[in-house]
Amino acid sequence: MATRINPSILAADFVNLERDLGSIATADLVHVDVMDNHFVPNLTFGPQMVGRIQDVSPIPLDVHLMIDDPDRWAPGYAELGAFSVTFHAEAAADPVALARRLRALGARAGIALKPGTAVDGYLDLLAEFDQVLVMTVEPGFGGQSFMVETMPKLRALREAVEARGLDVWLQVDGGITEETIVTAAENGADTFVAGSSVFRGEPAERIAGLRAAVAAHTH
């Protein structure tokens, strides 16, 4: 199973963002957290900033929308050229219709679940999505601790994906370190968002360390 490392620029230096994007060129995608101060109690950036990140990033964009009304706003991020656009199940009026629209615009369609959101209602819809993001912290802020109690949800997703023979990436976001990435991988994750653990050090070395941790402990 492939291991994808997607550093979150929420932990980057916003004044030197182009420099920091260059420092993660060995990663798979750059995770871009869009927050609107409504769905989550934090505000980051919108389409104009994401468009500029798209212009200068050496790797594709993995956009994570922590916003209200993604049915209206998410397609715009696909139109900017984002490789993947993930919206929250809790915020979308019609997740399947939105995923189909994102795919029609050329982006991978992802759905995100907060720690307290049950997965059962989405297992039969997995073929409609290219990625499911299991939040391993409460969305809204970086630097939180990994919530191991989200692992049964991840395991259920992995079992469902394999039982159905689907190619759906299973992503985790929140508190990912060289230790917790192993726990997540063992429970079925293949795509890992890491912020502080990449940017609080030499990013290329940290990315390599995360890959090595997964390779050493999973088969």
N, C-alpha and C. Protein backbone atom coordinates (compact mmCIF):
# COMPACT_ATOMS: atom_id res chain seq x y z
N MET A 1 0.84 -1.19 0.00
CA MET A 1 0.00 0.00 0.00
C MET A 1 0.89 1.25 0.00
N ALA A 2 0.57 2.17 -0.88
CA ALA A 2 1.36 3.40 -1.00
C ALA A 2 1.26 4.23 0.27
N THR A 3 2.32 4.96 0.58
CA THR A 3 2.32 5.90 1.70
C THR A 3 2.47 7.30 1.15
N ARG A 4 1.47 8.13 1.38
CA ARG A 4 1.52 9.52 0.92
C ARG A 4 1.66 10.45 2.12
N ILE A 5 2.62 11.36 2.04
CA ILE A 5 2.86 12.35 3.09
C ILE A 5 2.47 13.72 2.53
N ASN A 6 1.50 14.35 3.18
CA ASN A 6 0.99 15.65 2.73
C ASN A 6 1.19 16.70 3.83
N PRO A 7 2.29 17.42 3.81
CA PRO A 7 2.52 18.43 4.85
C PRO A 7 1.45 19.53 4.83
N SER A 8 1.03 19.93 6.00
CA SER A 8 0.04 20.99 6.13
C SER A 8 0.72 22.34 6.25
N ILE A 9 0.40 23.25 5.33
CA ILE A 9 1.02 24.57 5.40
C ILE A 9 0.44 25.44 6.49
N LEU A 10 -0.53 24.90 7.23
CA LEU A 10 -0.99 25.61 8.42
C LEU A 10 0.17 25.82 9.40
N ALA A 11 1.17 24.92 9.33
CA ALA A 11 2.33 25.01 10.22
C ALA A 11 3.51 25.72 9.57
N ALA A 12 3.34 26.20 8.34
CA ALA A 12 4.43 26.89 7.65
C ALA A 12 4.51 28.35 8.08
N ASP A 13 5.55 29.02 7.61
CA ASP A 13 5.72 30.45 7.85
C ASP A 13 5.00 31.20 6.74
N PHE A 14 3.86 31.81 7.07
CA PHE A 14 3.04 32.44 6.04
C PHE A 14 3.77 33.59 5.33
N VAL A 15 4.73 34.22 6.01
CA VAL A 15 5.47 35.32 5.39
C VAL A 15 6.45 34.77 4.34
N ASN A 16 6.88 33.52 4.53
CA ASN A 16 7.83 32.90 3.61
C ASN A 16 7.24 31.63 3.00
N LEU A 17 6.00 31.74 2.55
CA LEU A 17 5.26 30.55 2.14
C LEU A 17 5.86 29.90 0.90
N GLU A 18 6.30 30.69 -0.06
CA GLU A 18 6.88 30.09 -1.26
C GLU A 18 8.16 29.33 -0.91
N ARG A 19 8.96 29.88 -0.02
CA ARG A 19 10.17 29.18 0.45
C ARG A 19 9.79 27.86 1.11
N ASP A 20 8.78 27.89 1.99
CA ASP A 20 8.40 26.69 2.71
C ASP A 20 7.76 25.65 1.79
N LEU A 21 7.06 26.10 0.77
CA LEU A 21 6.54 25.15 -0.22
C LEU A 21 7.69 24.44 -0.92
N GLY A 22 8.73 25.18 -1.24
CA GLY A 22 9.89 24.56 -1.87
C GLY A 22 10.57 23.54 -0.99
N SER A 23 10.48 23.76 0.33
CA SER A 23 11.17 22.87 1.27
C SER A 23 10.47 21.52 1.41
N ILE A 24 9.23 21.38 0.90
CA ILE A 24 8.50 20.12 1.01
C ILE A 24 8.31 19.46 -0.35
N ALA A 25 9.20 19.77 -1.28
CA ALA A 25 9.07 19.23 -2.64
C ALA A 25 9.15 17.71 -2.68
N THR A 26 9.70 17.07 -1.65
CA THR A 26 9.79 15.61 -1.62
C THR A 26 8.52 14.96 -1.09
N ALA A 27 7.55 15.76 -0.68
CA ALA A 27 6.27 15.23 -0.23
C ALA A 27 5.41 14.86 -1.43
N ASP A 28 4.24 14.29 -1.17
CA ASP A 28 3.36 13.87 -2.26
C ASP A 28 2.41 14.98 -2.68
N LEU A 29 1.78 15.63 -1.71
CA LEU A 29 0.90 16.76 -1.97
C LEU A 29 1.08 17.75 -0.83
N VAL A 30 0.65 18.99 -1.05
CA VAL A 30 0.64 19.98 0.02
C VAL A 30 -0.80 20.13 0.49
N HIS A 31 -0.99 19.98 1.79
CA HIS A 31 -2.32 20.05 2.40
C HIS A 31 -2.63 21.50 2.74
N VAL A 32 -3.71 22.00 2.15
CA VAL A 32 -4.07 23.41 2.30
C VAL A 32 -5.39 23.50 3.07
N ASP A 33 -5.31 24.00 4.29
CA ASP A 33 -6.47 24.09 5.17
C ASP A 33 -7.19 25.42 4.96
N VAL A 34 -8.40 25.35 4.45
CA VAL A 34 -9.22 26.53 4.24
C VAL A 34 -10.27 26.58 5.35
N MET A 35 -10.21 27.61 6.19
CA MET A 35 -11.13 27.75 7.33
C MET A 35 -11.84 29.10 7.24
N ASP A 36 -13.13 29.09 7.59
CA ASP A 36 -13.95 30.29 7.36
C ASP A 36 -14.41 31.01 8.63
N ASN A 37 -13.96 30.54 9.80
CA ASN A 37 -14.35 31.14 11.09
C ASN A 37 -15.84 30.96 11.38
N HIS A 38 -16.48 30.03 10.67
CA HIS A 38 -17.87 29.67 10.93
C HIS A 38 -17.98 28.18 11.23
N PHE A 39 -17.58 27.35 10.26
CA PHE A 39 -17.59 25.91 10.49
C PHE A 39 -16.59 25.52 11.57
N VAL A 40 -15.47 26.20 11.60
CA VAL A 40 -14.48 26.05 12.67
C VAL A 40 -14.12 27.44 13.19
N PRO A 41 -13.68 27.53 14.46
CA PRO A 41 -13.39 28.84 15.05
C PRO A 41 -12.00 29.35 14.70
N ASN A 42 -11.70 29.40 13.41
CA ASN A 42 -10.41 29.89 12.96
C ASN A 42 -10.57 30.34 11.52
N LEU A 43 -9.71 31.26 11.10
CA LEU A 43 -9.77 31.83 9.75
C LEU A 43 -8.39 31.72 9.12
N THR A 44 -8.34 31.14 7.91
CA THR A 44 -7.04 31.05 7.24
C THR A 44 -7.09 31.84 5.94
N PHE A 45 -7.34 31.19 4.81
CA PHE A 45 -7.33 31.91 3.55
C PHE A 45 -8.38 31.34 2.62
N GLY A 46 -8.63 32.07 1.53
CA GLY A 46 -9.68 31.70 0.60
C GLY A 46 -9.14 31.44 -0.79
N PRO A 47 -10.02 31.51 -1.79
CA PRO A 47 -9.63 31.13 -3.15
C PRO A 47 -8.46 31.90 -3.73
N GLN A 48 -8.37 33.20 -3.44
CA GLN A 48 -7.29 33.99 -4.04
C GLN A 48 -5.93 33.49 -3.57
N MET A 49 -5.81 33.23 -2.27
CA MET A 49 -4.54 32.74 -1.72
C MET A 49 -4.26 31.32 -2.21
N VAL A 50 -5.28 30.50 -2.24
CA VAL A 50 -5.08 29.12 -2.72
C VAL A 50 -4.65 29.13 -4.19
N GLY A 51 -5.20 30.04 -4.97
CA GLY A 51 -4.78 30.16 -6.36
C GLY A 51 -3.31 30.50 -6.50
N ARG A 52 -2.82 31.37 -5.63
CA ARG A 52 -1.39 31.73 -5.68
C ARG A 52 -0.52 30.56 -5.21
N ILE A 53 -0.98 29.83 -4.21
CA ILE A 53 -0.24 28.64 -3.78
C ILE A 53 -0.17 27.64 -4.93
N GLN A 54 -1.29 27.49 -5.63
CA GLN A 54 -1.32 26.60 -6.80
C GLN A 54 -0.29 27.04 -7.84
N ASP A 55 -0.13 28.34 -8.01
CA ASP A 55 0.80 28.87 -9.01
C ASP A 55 2.26 28.53 -8.70
N VAL A 56 2.62 28.49 -7.42
CA VAL A 56 4.04 28.36 -7.07
C VAL A 56 4.42 27.03 -6.43
N SER A 57 3.44 26.20 -6.08
CA SER A 57 3.76 24.95 -5.39
C SER A 57 4.44 23.95 -6.32
N PRO A 58 5.51 23.29 -5.83
CA PRO A 58 6.18 22.27 -6.64
C PRO A 58 5.44 20.94 -6.66
N ILE A 59 4.44 20.79 -5.80
CA ILE A 59 3.66 19.55 -5.72
C ILE A 59 2.17 19.89 -5.75
N PRO A 60 1.31 18.93 -6.10
CA PRO A 60 -0.12 19.22 -6.23
C PRO A 60 -0.77 19.60 -4.90
N LEU A 61 -1.94 20.23 -5.02
CA LEU A 61 -2.66 20.73 -3.84
C LEU A 61 -3.73 19.74 -3.38
N ASP A 62 -3.72 19.49 -2.08
CA ASP A 62 -4.72 18.68 -1.38
C ASP A 62 -5.49 19.66 -0.49
N VAL A 63 -6.59 20.18 -1.01
CA VAL A 63 -7.33 21.25 -0.32
C VAL A 63 -8.36 20.65 0.63
N HIS A 64 -8.34 21.11 1.86
CA HIS A 64 -9.26 20.63 2.91
C HIS A 64 -10.12 21.81 3.33
N LEU A 65 -11.40 21.74 2.97
CA LEU A 65 -12.32 22.84 3.23
C LEU A 65 -13.04 22.64 4.57
N MET A 66 -12.66 23.43 5.54
CA MET A 66 -13.36 23.45 6.84
C MET A 66 -14.25 24.69 6.83
N ILE A 67 -15.31 24.61 5.99
CA ILE A 67 -16.14 25.78 5.74
C ILE A 67 -17.62 25.37 5.67
N ASP A 68 -18.48 26.33 5.94
CA ASP A 68 -19.91 26.15 5.72
C ASP A 68 -20.21 26.20 4.21
N ASP A 69 -21.31 25.57 3.84
CA ASP A 69 -21.83 25.62 2.48
C ASP A 69 -20.81 25.21 1.41
N PRO A 70 -20.15 24.06 1.60
CA PRO A 70 -19.19 23.63 0.57
C PRO A 70 -19.87 23.32 -0.76
N ASP A 71 -21.17 23.01 -0.74
CA ASP A 71 -21.89 22.76 -1.99
C ASP A 71 -21.75 23.96 -2.93
N ARG A 72 -21.70 25.15 -2.35
CA ARG A 72 -21.54 26.37 -3.14
C ARG A 72 -20.07 26.66 -3.46
N TRP A 73 -19.20 26.49 -2.47
CA TRP A 73 -17.83 27.01 -2.60
C TRP A 73 -16.79 26.00 -3.09
N ALA A 74 -16.99 24.72 -2.82
CA ALA A 74 -15.96 23.74 -3.14
C ALA A 74 -15.62 23.67 -4.63
N PRO A 75 -16.60 23.74 -5.55
CA PRO A 75 -16.24 23.64 -6.97
C PRO A 75 -15.24 24.69 -7.42
N GLY A 76 -15.25 25.86 -6.80
CA GLY A 76 -14.30 26.90 -7.18
C GLY A 76 -12.86 26.49 -6.96
N TYR A 77 -12.62 25.67 -5.94
CA TYR A 77 -11.25 25.21 -5.68
C TYR A 77 -10.82 24.17 -6.71
N ALA A 78 -11.76 23.37 -7.18
CA ALA A 78 -11.45 22.46 -8.28
C ALA A 78 -11.12 23.25 -9.54
N GLU A 79 -11.87 24.32 -9.76
CA GLU A 79 -11.63 25.15 -10.95
C GLU A 79 -10.27 25.85 -10.90
N LEU A 80 -9.73 26.07 -9.70
CA LEU A 80 -8.40 26.65 -9.57
C LEU A 80 -7.29 25.68 -9.97
N GLY A 81 -7.65 24.40 -10.07
CA GLY A 81 -6.67 23.39 -10.44
C GLY A 81 -6.20 22.49 -9.32
N ALA A 82 -6.86 22.57 -8.16
CA ALA A 82 -6.47 21.70 -7.05
C ALA A 82 -6.59 20.24 -7.47
N PHE A 83 -5.61 19.45 -7.09
CA PHE A 83 -5.61 18.02 -7.41
C PHE A 83 -6.72 17.30 -6.67
N SER A 84 -6.92 17.69 -5.41
CA SER A 84 -7.91 17.04 -4.55
C SER A 84 -8.64 18.11 -3.74
N VAL A 85 -9.96 17.98 -3.62
CA VAL A 85 -10.76 18.90 -2.82
C VAL A 85 -11.60 18.07 -1.84
N THR A 86 -11.37 18.29 -0.56
CA THR A 86 -12.09 17.55 0.49
C THR A 86 -12.99 18.51 1.25
N PHE A 87 -14.25 18.13 1.40
CA PHE A 87 -15.21 18.93 2.15
C PHE A 87 -15.72 18.10 3.33
N HIS A 88 -16.34 18.77 4.29
CA HIS A 88 -16.81 18.06 5.48
C HIS A 88 -18.22 17.52 5.31
N ALA A 89 -18.39 16.28 5.72
CA ALA A 89 -19.70 15.64 5.68
C ALA A 89 -20.72 16.44 6.48
N GLU A 90 -20.26 17.02 7.60
CA GLU A 90 -21.17 17.72 8.50
C GLU A 90 -21.69 19.03 7.91
N ALA A 91 -21.02 19.52 6.86
CA ALA A 91 -21.37 20.83 6.30
C ALA A 91 -22.08 20.73 4.96
N ALA A 92 -21.98 19.58 4.29
CA ALA A 92 -22.51 19.46 2.93
C ALA A 92 -23.99 19.09 2.93
N ALA A 93 -24.76 19.73 2.07
CA ALA A 93 -26.18 19.40 1.94
C ALA A 93 -26.38 18.11 1.15
N ASP A 94 -25.56 17.91 0.12
CA ASP A 94 -25.67 16.72 -0.74
C ASP A 94 -24.26 16.25 -1.10
N PRO A 95 -23.64 15.45 -0.21
CA PRO A 95 -22.24 15.06 -0.43
C PRO A 95 -22.00 14.34 -1.75
N VAL A 96 -22.92 13.48 -2.14
CA VAL A 96 -22.71 12.71 -3.37
C VAL A 96 -22.75 13.62 -4.60
N ALA A 97 -23.74 14.51 -4.65
CA ALA A 97 -23.82 15.44 -5.79
C ALA A 97 -22.61 16.33 -5.85
N LEU A 98 -22.12 16.78 -4.69
CA LEU A 98 -20.94 17.65 -4.67
C LEU A 98 -19.71 16.88 -5.14
N ALA A 99 -19.54 15.65 -4.67
CA ALA A 99 -18.40 14.84 -5.09
C ALA A 99 -18.42 14.63 -6.60
N ARG A 100 -19.59 14.37 -7.14
CA ARG A 100 -19.68 14.17 -8.60
C ARG A 100 -19.33 15.44 -9.35
N ARG A 101 -19.71 16.58 -8.82
CA ARG A 101 -19.37 17.84 -9.49
C ARG A 101 -17.87 18.09 -9.45
N LEU A 102 -17.24 17.81 -8.30
CA LEU A 102 -15.79 17.99 -8.19
C LEU A 102 -15.06 17.10 -9.18
N ARG A 103 -15.50 15.87 -9.29
CA ARG A 103 -14.88 14.94 -10.25
C ARG A 103 -15.07 15.43 -11.68
N ALA A 104 -16.25 15.95 -11.96
CA ALA A 104 -16.52 16.45 -13.31
C ALA A 104 -15.61 17.62 -13.67
N LEU A 105 -15.17 18.36 -12.65
CA LEU A 105 -14.28 19.51 -12.85
C LEU A 105 -12.81 19.09 -12.88
N GLY A 106 -12.55 17.80 -12.69
CA GLY A 106 -11.18 17.29 -12.82
C GLY A 106 -10.43 17.11 -11.53
N ALA A 107 -11.07 17.31 -10.39
CA ALA A 107 -10.42 17.13 -9.10
C ALA A 107 -10.81 15.79 -8.48
N ARG A 108 -9.95 15.27 -7.64
CA ARG A 108 -10.34 14.16 -6.79
C ARG A 108 -11.30 14.69 -5.72
N ALA A 109 -12.31 13.91 -5.39
CA ALA A 109 -13.32 14.34 -4.42
C ALA A 109 -13.10 13.63 -3.10
N GLY A 110 -12.97 14.41 -2.04
CA GLY A 110 -12.77 13.84 -0.72
C GLY A 110 -13.86 14.28 0.25
N ILE A 111 -14.16 13.41 1.22
CA ILE A 111 -15.12 13.74 2.27
C ILE A 111 -14.42 13.56 3.61
N ALA A 112 -14.60 14.53 4.50
CA ALA A 112 -13.94 14.53 5.80
C ALA A 112 -14.97 14.30 6.91
N LEU A 113 -14.53 13.59 7.95
CA LEU A 113 -15.38 13.28 9.10
C LEU A 113 -14.71 13.78 10.37
N LYS A 114 -15.42 14.59 11.14
CA LYS A 114 -14.92 15.01 12.44
C LYS A 114 -14.80 13.78 13.36
N PRO A 115 -14.01 13.91 14.46
CA PRO A 115 -13.86 12.77 15.37
C PRO A 115 -15.17 12.19 15.88
N GLY A 116 -16.17 13.03 16.09
CA GLY A 116 -17.43 12.55 16.64
C GLY A 116 -18.44 12.09 15.62
N THR A 117 -18.10 12.16 14.32
CA THR A 117 -19.04 11.79 13.27
C THR A 117 -18.92 10.31 12.95
N ALA A 118 -20.05 9.60 13.03
CA ALA A 118 -20.05 8.16 12.75
C ALA A 118 -19.85 7.92 11.26
N VAL A 119 -19.22 6.80 10.95
CA VAL A 119 -18.88 6.48 9.57
C VAL A 119 -19.96 5.63 8.88
N ASP A 120 -20.84 5.03 9.66
CA ASP A 120 -21.76 4.03 9.13
C ASP A 120 -22.54 4.50 7.91
N GLY A 121 -23.02 5.73 7.94
CA GLY A 121 -23.86 6.23 6.85
C GLY A 121 -23.11 6.47 5.56
N TYR A 122 -21.78 6.37 5.58
CA TYR A 122 -20.98 6.67 4.39
C TYR A 122 -20.35 5.43 3.77
N LEU A 123 -20.41 4.30 4.45
CA LEU A 123 -19.74 3.11 3.94
C LEU A 123 -20.31 2.66 2.60
N ASP A 124 -21.62 2.79 2.42
CA ASP A 124 -22.23 2.37 1.16
C ASP A 124 -22.07 3.41 0.05
N LEU A 125 -21.49 4.55 0.38
CA LEU A 125 -21.29 5.62 -0.61
C LEU A 125 -19.84 5.75 -1.04
N LEU A 126 -18.98 4.84 -0.58
CA LEU A 126 -17.54 5.03 -0.77
C LEU A 126 -17.13 5.15 -2.22
N ALA A 127 -17.84 4.49 -3.13
CA ALA A 127 -17.47 4.55 -4.54
C ALA A 127 -17.63 5.96 -5.12
N GLU A 128 -18.37 6.82 -4.42
CA GLU A 128 -18.57 8.20 -4.90
C GLU A 128 -17.40 9.11 -4.57
N PHE A 129 -16.46 8.63 -3.75
CA PHE A 129 -15.36 9.48 -3.28
C PHE A 129 -14.02 8.88 -3.66
N ASP A 130 -13.03 9.74 -3.79
CA ASP A 130 -11.66 9.31 -4.04
C ASP A 130 -10.84 9.26 -2.76
N GLN A 131 -11.34 9.92 -1.73
CA GLN A 131 -10.61 10.00 -0.46
C GLN A 131 -11.59 10.21 0.68
N VAL A 132 -11.32 9.56 1.81
CA VAL A 132 -12.03 9.86 3.04
C VAL A 132 -11.00 10.31 4.07
N LEU A 133 -11.25 11.47 4.63
CA LEU A 133 -10.35 12.04 5.64
C LEU A 133 -10.96 11.83 7.02
N VAL A 134 -10.28 11.05 7.83
CA VAL A 134 -10.68 10.84 9.22
C VAL A 134 -9.89 11.84 10.07
N MET A 135 -10.59 12.83 10.63
CA MET A 135 -9.93 13.80 11.49
C MET A 135 -9.51 13.12 12.79
N THR A 136 -8.22 13.21 13.11
CA THR A 136 -7.70 12.62 14.33
C THR A 136 -7.48 13.67 15.42
N VAL A 137 -8.00 14.87 15.15
CA VAL A 137 -8.15 15.95 16.14
C VAL A 137 -9.44 16.69 15.78
N GLU A 138 -9.90 17.57 16.65
CA GLU A 138 -11.02 18.42 16.28
C GLU A 138 -10.52 19.46 15.27
N PRO A 139 -11.20 19.62 14.14
CA PRO A 139 -10.71 20.54 13.12
C PRO A 139 -10.73 21.99 13.59
N GLY A 140 -9.75 22.75 13.10
CA GLY A 140 -9.74 24.18 13.38
C GLY A 140 -8.39 24.74 13.79
N PHE A 141 -7.56 23.92 14.43
CA PHE A 141 -6.27 24.42 14.90
C PHE A 141 -5.20 23.34 14.74
N GLY A 142 -3.98 23.77 14.46
CA GLY A 142 -2.85 22.85 14.41
C GLY A 142 -2.30 22.60 15.79
N GLY A 143 -1.42 21.59 15.90
CA GLY A 143 -0.71 21.34 17.15
C GLY A 143 -1.45 20.54 18.19
N GLN A 144 -2.61 19.96 17.85
CA GLN A 144 -3.36 19.17 18.82
C GLN A 144 -2.82 17.74 18.89
N SER A 145 -3.22 17.03 19.96
CA SER A 145 -2.78 15.66 20.16
C SER A 145 -3.67 14.67 19.42
N PHE A 146 -3.04 13.64 18.89
CA PHE A 146 -3.70 12.57 18.15
C PHE A 146 -4.74 11.85 19.02
N MET A 147 -5.94 11.65 18.45
CA MET A 147 -7.04 10.99 19.17
C MET A 147 -7.12 9.53 18.73
N VAL A 148 -6.58 8.64 19.55
CA VAL A 148 -6.54 7.22 19.19
C VAL A 148 -7.94 6.63 19.10
N GLU A 149 -8.91 7.27 19.75
CA GLU A 149 -10.28 6.75 19.73
C GLU A 149 -10.93 6.86 18.34
N THR A 150 -10.28 7.52 17.40
CA THR A 150 -10.81 7.58 16.03
C THR A 150 -10.38 6.37 15.19
N MET A 151 -9.52 5.53 15.73
CA MET A 151 -8.97 4.41 14.94
C MET A 151 -10.01 3.35 14.55
N PRO A 152 -10.99 3.01 15.38
CA PRO A 152 -12.00 2.04 14.92
C PRO A 152 -12.74 2.52 13.67
N LYS A 153 -12.99 3.82 13.56
CA LYS A 153 -13.63 4.38 12.37
C LYS A 153 -12.74 4.16 11.14
N LEU A 154 -11.46 4.40 11.30
CA LEU A 154 -10.51 4.20 10.21
C LEU A 154 -10.45 2.73 9.80
N ARG A 155 -10.43 1.86 10.79
CA ARG A 155 -10.39 0.43 10.50
C ARG A 155 -11.64 -0.01 9.74
N ALA A 156 -12.80 0.50 10.14
CA ALA A 156 -14.05 0.16 9.44
C ALA A 156 -14.00 0.62 7.99
N LEU A 157 -13.43 1.79 7.76
CA LEU A 157 -13.30 2.29 6.39
C LEU A 157 -12.37 1.41 5.57
N ARG A 158 -11.23 1.03 6.14
CA ARG A 158 -10.29 0.17 5.41
C ARG A 158 -10.94 -1.15 5.04
N GLU A 159 -11.66 -1.74 5.98
CA GLU A 159 -12.31 -3.02 5.70
C GLU A 159 -13.36 -2.87 4.59
N ALA A 160 -14.10 -1.76 4.62
CA ALA A 160 -15.13 -1.54 3.61
C ALA A 160 -14.52 -1.29 2.24
N VAL A 161 -13.45 -0.50 2.18
CA VAL A 161 -12.77 -0.23 0.91
C VAL A 161 -12.25 -1.54 0.30
N GLU A 162 -11.63 -2.36 1.12
CA GLU A 162 -11.07 -3.61 0.59
C GLU A 162 -12.16 -4.59 0.21
N ALA A 163 -13.23 -4.66 1.00
CA ALA A 163 -14.32 -5.59 0.69
C ALA A 163 -14.98 -5.24 -0.64
N ARG A 164 -15.01 -3.96 -0.96
CA ARG A 164 -15.65 -3.50 -2.19
C ARG A 164 -14.68 -3.39 -3.36
N GLY A 165 -13.39 -3.60 -3.09
CA GLY A 165 -12.39 -3.52 -4.16
C GLY A 165 -12.21 -2.12 -4.72
N LEU A 166 -12.33 -1.11 -3.86
CA LEU A 166 -12.27 0.28 -4.30
C LEU A 166 -10.87 0.87 -4.17
N ASP A 167 -10.61 1.91 -4.94
CA ASP A 167 -9.36 2.66 -4.83
C ASP A 167 -9.70 4.01 -4.18
N VAL A 168 -9.88 3.98 -2.87
CA VAL A 168 -10.20 5.18 -2.10
C VAL A 168 -9.07 5.41 -1.12
N TRP A 169 -8.44 6.59 -1.19
CA TRP A 169 -7.39 6.91 -0.23
C TRP A 169 -8.01 7.19 1.13
N LEU A 170 -7.36 6.70 2.18
CA LEU A 170 -7.81 6.95 3.55
C LEU A 170 -6.79 7.83 4.24
N GLN A 171 -7.21 9.05 4.51
CA GLN A 171 -6.32 10.08 5.03
C GLN A 171 -6.60 10.34 6.51
N VAL A 172 -5.54 10.64 7.24
CA VAL A 172 -5.66 11.08 8.63
C VAL A 172 -5.00 12.45 8.76
N ASP A 173 -5.56 13.26 9.65
CA ASP A 173 -5.10 14.64 9.82
C ASP A 173 -5.24 15.02 11.28
N GLY A 174 -4.09 15.30 11.90
CA GLY A 174 -4.10 15.80 13.27
C GLY A 174 -3.19 15.00 14.19
N GLY A 175 -2.16 15.67 14.71
CA GLY A 175 -1.27 15.03 15.67
C GLY A 175 -0.41 13.93 15.09
N ILE A 176 -0.09 14.01 13.78
CA ILE A 176 0.70 12.94 13.15
C ILE A 176 2.19 13.17 13.38
N THR A 177 2.81 12.19 14.04
CA THR A 177 4.25 12.18 14.33
C THR A 177 4.81 10.84 13.86
N GLU A 178 6.10 10.63 14.06
CA GLU A 178 6.69 9.34 13.68
C GLU A 178 6.13 8.20 14.52
N GLU A 179 5.54 8.50 15.67
CA GLU A 179 4.92 7.47 16.50
C GLU A 179 3.46 7.24 16.07
N THR A 180 2.67 8.31 16.00
CA THR A 180 1.25 8.14 15.71
C THR A 180 0.99 7.72 14.27
N ILE A 181 1.91 8.03 13.37
CA ILE A 181 1.71 7.62 11.97
C ILE A 181 1.69 6.10 11.85
N VAL A 182 2.44 5.44 12.72
CA VAL A 182 2.45 3.97 12.72
C VAL A 182 1.09 3.44 13.15
N THR A 183 0.53 4.01 14.21
CA THR A 183 -0.79 3.60 14.68
C THR A 183 -1.83 3.78 13.57
N ALA A 184 -1.79 4.93 12.90
CA ALA A 184 -2.75 5.21 11.84
C ALA A 184 -2.56 4.24 10.66
N ALA A 185 -1.32 3.98 10.28
CA ALA A 185 -1.07 3.07 9.18
C ALA A 185 -1.53 1.66 9.50
N GLU A 186 -1.29 1.23 10.72
CA GLU A 186 -1.71 -0.12 11.12
C GLU A 186 -3.23 -0.27 11.12
N ASN A 187 -3.93 0.84 11.24
CA ASN A 187 -5.40 0.81 11.23
C ASN A 187 -5.98 1.13 9.86
N GLY A 188 -5.12 1.27 8.85
CA GLY A 188 -5.61 1.35 7.50
C GLY A 188 -5.37 2.64 6.74
N ALA A 189 -4.78 3.65 7.36
CA ALA A 189 -4.51 4.90 6.64
C ALA A 189 -3.37 4.71 5.65
N ASP A 190 -3.46 5.43 4.53
CA ASP A 190 -2.38 5.42 3.55
C ASP A 190 -1.93 6.83 3.16
N THR A 191 -2.63 7.84 3.66
CA THR A 191 -2.35 9.24 3.31
C THR A 191 -2.34 10.03 4.60
N PHE A 192 -1.24 10.76 4.85
CA PHE A 192 -1.01 11.33 6.17
C PHE A 192 -0.72 12.82 6.08
N VAL A 193 -1.51 13.60 6.80
CA VAL A 193 -1.29 15.04 6.89
C VAL A 193 -0.43 15.31 8.12
N ALA A 194 0.66 16.02 7.92
CA ALA A 194 1.55 16.34 9.04
C ALA A 194 1.95 17.80 8.95
N GLY A 195 1.74 18.54 10.02
CA GLY A 195 2.07 19.95 10.03
C GLY A 195 3.28 20.25 10.87
N SER A 196 3.06 20.33 12.18
CA SER A 196 4.15 20.67 13.09
C SER A 196 5.31 19.70 12.98
N SER A 197 5.03 18.41 12.80
CA SER A 197 6.11 17.42 12.79
C SER A 197 6.97 17.52 11.53
N VAL A 198 6.51 18.23 10.51
CA VAL A 198 7.33 18.47 9.31
C VAL A 198 8.05 19.80 9.40
N PHE A 199 7.32 20.86 9.75
CA PHE A 199 7.90 22.20 9.67
C PHE A 199 8.71 22.61 10.90
N ARG A 200 8.60 21.89 11.99
CA ARG A 200 9.44 22.19 13.16
C ARG A 200 10.71 21.35 13.10
N GLY A 201 11.43 21.55 12.04
CA GLY A 201 12.67 20.80 11.80
C GLY A 201 13.05 21.01 10.36
N GLU A 202 13.90 20.15 9.82
CA GLU A 202 14.27 20.24 8.41
C GLU A 202 13.23 19.42 7.64
N PRO A 203 12.38 20.08 6.86
CA PRO A 203 11.22 19.39 6.30
C PRO A 203 11.53 18.12 5.51
N ALA A 204 12.54 18.15 4.64
CA ALA A 204 12.84 16.96 3.84
C ALA A 204 13.21 15.78 4.74
N GLU A 205 13.97 16.04 5.79
CA GLU A 205 14.34 14.98 6.73
C GLU A 205 13.12 14.46 7.48
N ARG A 206 12.26 15.37 7.87
CA ARG A 206 11.06 14.96 8.61
C ARG A 206 10.13 14.12 7.72
N ILE A 207 9.99 14.51 6.46
CA ILE A 207 9.16 13.75 5.53
C ILE A 207 9.72 12.35 5.35
N ALA A 208 11.04 12.26 5.16
CA ALA A 208 11.69 10.95 5.02
C ALA A 208 11.51 10.11 6.27
N GLY A 209 11.58 10.75 7.43
CA GLY A 209 11.40 10.02 8.69
C GLY A 209 10.01 9.44 8.84
N LEU A 210 9.01 10.20 8.41
CA LEU A 210 7.64 9.70 8.47
C LEU A 210 7.45 8.51 7.53
N ARG A 211 8.01 8.61 6.32
CA ARG A 211 7.91 7.49 5.38
C ARG A 211 8.59 6.25 5.96
N ALA A 212 9.76 6.45 6.56
CA ALA A 212 10.52 5.33 7.09
C ALA A 212 9.79 4.68 8.26
N ALA A 213 9.12 5.49 9.07
CA ALA A 213 8.39 4.94 10.22
C ALA A 213 7.28 3.99 9.76
N VAL A 214 6.58 4.40 8.69
CA VAL A 214 5.52 3.54 8.16
C VAL A 214 6.13 2.27 7.57
N ALA A 215 7.18 2.42 6.80
CA ALA A 215 7.80 1.27 6.13
C ALA A 215 8.33 0.25 7.12
N ALA A 216 8.84 0.73 8.26
CA ALA A 216 9.45 -0.16 9.24
C ALA A 216 8.44 -0.96 10.05
N HIS A 217 7.20 -0.44 10.14
CA HIS A 217 6.24 -1.04 11.06
C HIS A 217 5.02 -1.66 10.41
N THR A 218 4.90 -1.50 9.09
CA THR A 218 3.74 -2.06 8.40
C THR A 218 4.18 -2.93 7.24
N HIS A 219 3.33 -3.82 6.85
CA HIS A 219 3.67 -4.76 5.78
C HIS A 219 2.51 -4.83 4.79
